[in-house]
Amino acid sequence: MEWSVGHSTPAGKRGKTEIPQRSEEAQVPPRGKRVAVAQWNERVQTNKKIGTAIVRLLEAIILLCPKLF
């Protein structure tokens, strides 16, 4: 019999939980919202892309018009 780490009951491999790496973590939707995890992750990725685009746009504006800042 194997004892799984962090659990008080004996279990085989099915009782062990695998800790995902930071890049693989599933984003969890807020409570009360019924959204599929894949759909939620897609929204998170879209928001990251938009955020990156905004940062690049601001950098370009600062480079082209340094007197404004």
C-alpha atoms as a PDB file:
ATOM      1  CA  MET A   1       0.000   0.000   0.000  1.00  0.00           C
ATOM      2  CA  GLU A   2       1.297   3.454  -0.925  1.00  0.00           C
ATOM      3  CA  TRP A   3       0.631   6.594   1.062  1.00  0.00           C
ATOM      4  CA  SER A   4       0.164   9.635  -1.087  1.00  0.00           C
ATOM      5  CA  VAL A   5       1.954  12.775   0.030  1.00  0.00           C
ATOM      6  CA  GLY A   6      -0.283  15.347   1.665  1.00  0.00           C
ATOM      7  CA  HIS A   7      -3.255  13.003   2.132  1.00  0.00           C
ATOM      8  CA  SER A   8      -4.388  11.197   5.257  1.00  0.00           C
ATOM      9  CA  THR A   9      -5.743   8.174   3.384  1.00  0.00           C
ATOM     10  CA  PRO A  10      -3.820   5.447   1.570  1.00  0.00           C
ATOM     11  CA  ALA A  11      -3.989   5.664  -2.187  1.00  0.00           C
ATOM     12  CA  GLY A  12      -2.216   4.480  -5.257  1.00  0.00           C
ATOM     13  CA  LYS A  13      -1.259   6.716  -8.154  1.00  0.00           C
ATOM     14  CA  ARG A  14      -4.841   7.925  -8.546  1.00  0.00           C
ATOM     15  CA  GLY A  15      -4.651   9.646  -5.141  1.00  0.00           C
ATOM     16  CA  LYS A  16      -1.577  11.665  -6.005  1.00  0.00           C
ATOM     17  CA  THR A  17      -2.034  15.091  -7.452  1.00  0.00           C
ATOM     18  CA  GLU A  18       0.334  16.447 -10.044  1.00  0.00           C
ATOM     19  CA  ILE A  19       1.378  20.068  -9.591  1.00  0.00           C
ATOM     20  CA  PRO A  20       1.271  21.883 -12.969  1.00  0.00           C
ATOM     21  CA  GLN A  21       4.102  24.157 -14.012  1.00  0.00           C
ATOM     22  CA  ARG A  22       3.380  27.876 -13.988  1.00  0.00           C
ATOM     23  CA  SER A  23       2.941  28.060 -17.785  1.00  0.00           C
ATOM     24  CA  GLU A  24       0.508  25.131 -17.742  1.00  0.00           C
ATOM     25  CA  GLU A  25      -1.748  26.326 -14.911  1.00  0.00           C
ATOM     26  CA  ALA A  26      -5.406  26.559 -15.763  1.00  0.00           C
ATOM     27  CA  GLN A  27      -6.924  29.918 -14.970  1.00  0.00           C
ATOM     28  CA  VAL A  28      -9.984  29.559 -12.760  1.00  0.00           C
ATOM     29  CA  PRO A  29     -13.096  31.603 -13.554  1.00  0.00           C
ATOM     30  CA  PRO A  30     -14.615  33.687 -10.756  1.00  0.00           C
ATOM     31  CA  ARG A  31     -17.195  32.016  -8.514  1.00  0.00           C
ATOM     32  CA  GLY A  32     -20.761  32.178  -9.725  1.00  0.00           C
ATOM     33  CA  LYS A  33     -19.772  32.202 -13.393  1.00  0.00           C
ATOM     34  CA  ARG A  34     -20.256  29.022 -15.396  1.00  0.00           C
ATOM     35  CA  VAL A  35     -17.596  29.205 -18.071  1.00  0.00           C
ATOM     36  CA  ALA A  36     -15.637  26.309 -19.528  1.00  0.00           C
ATOM     37  CA  VAL A  37     -11.988  26.339 -18.468  1.00  0.00           C
ATOM     38  CA  ALA A  38     -10.825  26.305 -22.102  1.00  0.00           C
ATOM     39  CA  GLN A  39     -13.036  29.313 -22.860  1.00  0.00           C
ATOM     40  CA  TRP A  40     -11.760  31.124 -19.767  1.00  0.00           C
ATOM     41  CA  ASN A  41      -8.122  30.392 -20.705  1.00  0.00           C
ATOM     42  CA  GLU A  42      -8.802  31.729 -24.208  1.00  0.00           C
ATOM     43  CA  ARG A  43     -10.094  34.969 -22.684  1.00  0.00           C
ATOM     44  CA  VAL A  44      -7.011  35.229 -20.478  1.00  0.00           C
ATOM     45  CA  GLN A  45      -4.708  34.758 -23.488  1.00  0.00           C
ATOM     46  CA  THR A  46      -6.656  37.383 -25.462  1.00  0.00           C
ATOM     47  CA  ASN A  47      -6.330  39.851 -22.589  1.00  0.00           C
ATOM     48  CA  LYS A  48      -2.576  39.203 -22.408  1.00  0.00           C
ATOM     49  CA  LYS A  49      -2.221  39.863 -26.151  1.00  0.00           C
ATOM     50  CA  ILE A  50      -4.208  43.098 -25.876  1.00  0.00           C
ATOM     51  CA  GLY A  51      -2.090  44.183 -22.907  1.00  0.00           C
ATOM     52  CA  THR A  52       1.119  43.483 -24.817  1.00  0.00           C
ATOM     53  CA  ALA A  53      -0.163  45.438 -27.827  1.00  0.00           C
ATOM     54  CA  ILE A  54      -1.031  48.433 -25.625  1.00  0.00           C
ATOM     55  CA  VAL A  55       2.440  48.420 -24.066  1.00  0.00           C
ATOM     56  CA  ARG A  56       4.091  48.297 -27.500  1.00  0.00           C
ATOM     57  CA  LEU A  57       1.887  51.136 -28.722  1.00  0.00           C
ATOM     58  CA  LEU A  58       2.825  53.304 -25.738  1.00  0.00           C
ATOM     59  CA  GLU A  59       6.512  52.517 -26.257  1.00  0.00           C
ATOM     60  CA  ALA A  60       6.219  53.571 -29.919  1.00  0.00           C
ATOM     61  CA  ILE A  61       4.473  56.820 -28.965  1.00  0.00           C
ATOM     62  CA  ILE A  62       7.175  57.610 -26.402  1.00  0.00           C
ATOM     63  CA  LEU A  63       9.920  56.946 -28.962  1.00  0.00           C
ATOM     64  CA  LEU A  64       8.266  59.019 -31.681  1.00  0.00           C
ATOM     65  CA  CYS A  65       7.105  61.895 -29.478  1.00  0.00           C
ATOM     66  CA  PRO A  66       9.466  62.132 -26.483  1.00  0.00           C
ATOM     67  CA  LYS A  67       8.557  65.804 -25.905  1.00  0.00           C
ATOM     68  CA  LEU A  68       5.066  64.776 -24.826  1.00  0.00           C
ATOM     69  CA  PHE A  69       6.524  63.009 -21.830  1.00  0.00           C
END
